[in-house]
């Protein structure tokens, strides 16, 4: 099982799209080694879009399936970086 993958994700309209995204991550939780979420925050606002970085583990086919599932979600754009 390889963990030399990175999935970069842009989420638009975080308030409306986060639940479906979180459900997808939960379904694939045993495949995700690392998750990092980034969005702009200041004293008077919280951005409604953001970036998420995932480090999945598995076969190339399993990782591709995860990327496809994420891309099927509203407001989600996911790109795979294969470092194998």
Protein backbone atom coordinates (compact mmCIF):
# COMPACT_ATOMS: atom_id res chain seq x y z
CA UNK A 1 0.00 0.00 0.00
CA UNK A 2 1.51 3.31 -1.12
CA UNK A 3 1.10 6.63 0.67
CA UNK A 4 3.06 8.74 -1.82
CA UNK A 5 -0.01 10.59 -3.07
CA UNK A 6 -1.32 14.07 -2.36
CA UNK A 7 -4.81 15.25 -3.24
CA UNK A 8 -5.23 19.01 -3.47
CA UNK A 9 -8.83 20.13 -3.08
CA UNK A 10 -10.56 23.46 -3.57
CA UNK A 11 -13.92 23.79 -1.90
CA UNK A 12 -16.27 26.57 -2.99
CA UNK A 13 -19.20 27.64 -0.81
CA UNK A 14 -17.85 25.83 2.24
CA UNK A 15 -20.97 26.48 4.33
CA UNK A 16 -23.24 24.62 1.88
CA UNK A 17 -20.81 21.94 0.66
CA UNK A 18 -18.91 20.88 3.78
CA UNK A 19 -21.40 18.26 4.97
CA UNK A 20 -21.33 16.15 1.78
CA UNK A 21 -17.54 16.53 1.66
CA UNK A 22 -17.16 15.38 5.28
CA UNK A 23 -19.42 12.39 4.61
CA UNK A 24 -17.18 11.38 1.69
CA UNK A 25 -14.10 11.68 3.89
CA UNK A 26 -15.77 9.58 6.59
CA UNK A 27 -16.64 6.85 4.06
CA UNK A 28 -12.98 6.78 2.99
CA UNK A 29 -11.46 7.46 6.40
CA UNK A 30 -9.34 4.31 6.57
CA UNK A 31 -7.64 5.39 3.34
CA UNK A 32 -6.75 8.93 4.50
CA UNK A 33 -3.52 9.22 6.46
CA UNK A 34 -3.31 13.04 6.70
CA UNK A 35 -5.81 15.88 6.27
CA UNK A 36 -5.01 19.60 6.36
CA UNK A 37 -7.64 22.31 5.88
CA UNK A 38 -6.76 25.89 4.98
CA UNK A 39 -9.09 28.89 4.74
CA UNK A 40 -8.83 32.61 5.37
CA UNK A 41 -9.85 33.81 8.82
CA UNK A 42 -9.72 37.29 10.28
CA UNK A 43 -11.32 39.07 13.23
CA UNK A 44 -14.38 40.05 11.21
CA UNK A 45 -14.77 37.31 8.60
CA UNK A 46 -14.31 33.66 7.77
CA UNK A 47 -13.83 32.74 4.11
CA UNK A 48 -16.51 30.60 2.52
CA UNK A 49 -14.01 28.77 0.32
CA UNK A 50 -10.80 27.00 1.13
CA UNK A 51 -8.13 24.45 0.37
CA UNK A 52 -7.83 20.94 1.75
CA UNK A 53 -4.77 18.73 1.38
CA UNK A 54 -5.14 14.96 1.79
CA UNK A 55 -2.52 12.24 1.95
CA UNK A 56 -4.32 9.04 0.96
CA UNK A 57 -2.87 5.54 1.12
CA UNK A 58 -3.78 2.65 -1.13
CA UNK A 59 -3.47 1.38 -4.65
CA UNK A 60 -3.54 3.82 -7.55
CA UNK A 61 -7.02 2.55 -8.43
CA UNK A 62 -8.30 3.19 -4.88
CA UNK A 63 -6.83 6.69 -4.83
CA UNK A 64 -8.24 7.47 -8.29
CA UNK A 65 -11.66 6.31 -7.08
CA UNK A 66 -11.43 8.70 -4.10
CA UNK A 67 -10.48 11.61 -6.39
CA UNK A 68 -13.42 10.79 -8.69
CA UNK A 69 -15.81 10.63 -5.73
CA UNK A 70 -14.62 13.99 -4.43
CA UNK A 71 -14.91 15.59 -7.88
CA UNK A 72 -18.52 14.37 -8.12
CA UNK A 73 -19.45 16.59 -5.15
CA UNK A 74 -20.95 20.05 -5.59
CA UNK A 75 -18.36 22.82 -5.24
CA UNK A 76 -15.36 20.46 -5.03
CA UNK A 77 -12.35 20.37 -7.37
CA UNK A 78 -9.80 17.67 -6.54
CA UNK A 79 -6.45 17.06 -8.24
CA UNK A 80 -4.08 14.15 -7.65
CA UNK A 81 -0.31 14.42 -7.31
CA UNK A 82 1.28 10.97 -7.65
CA UNK A 83 4.78 10.92 -6.10
CA UNK A 84 5.35 7.17 -6.48
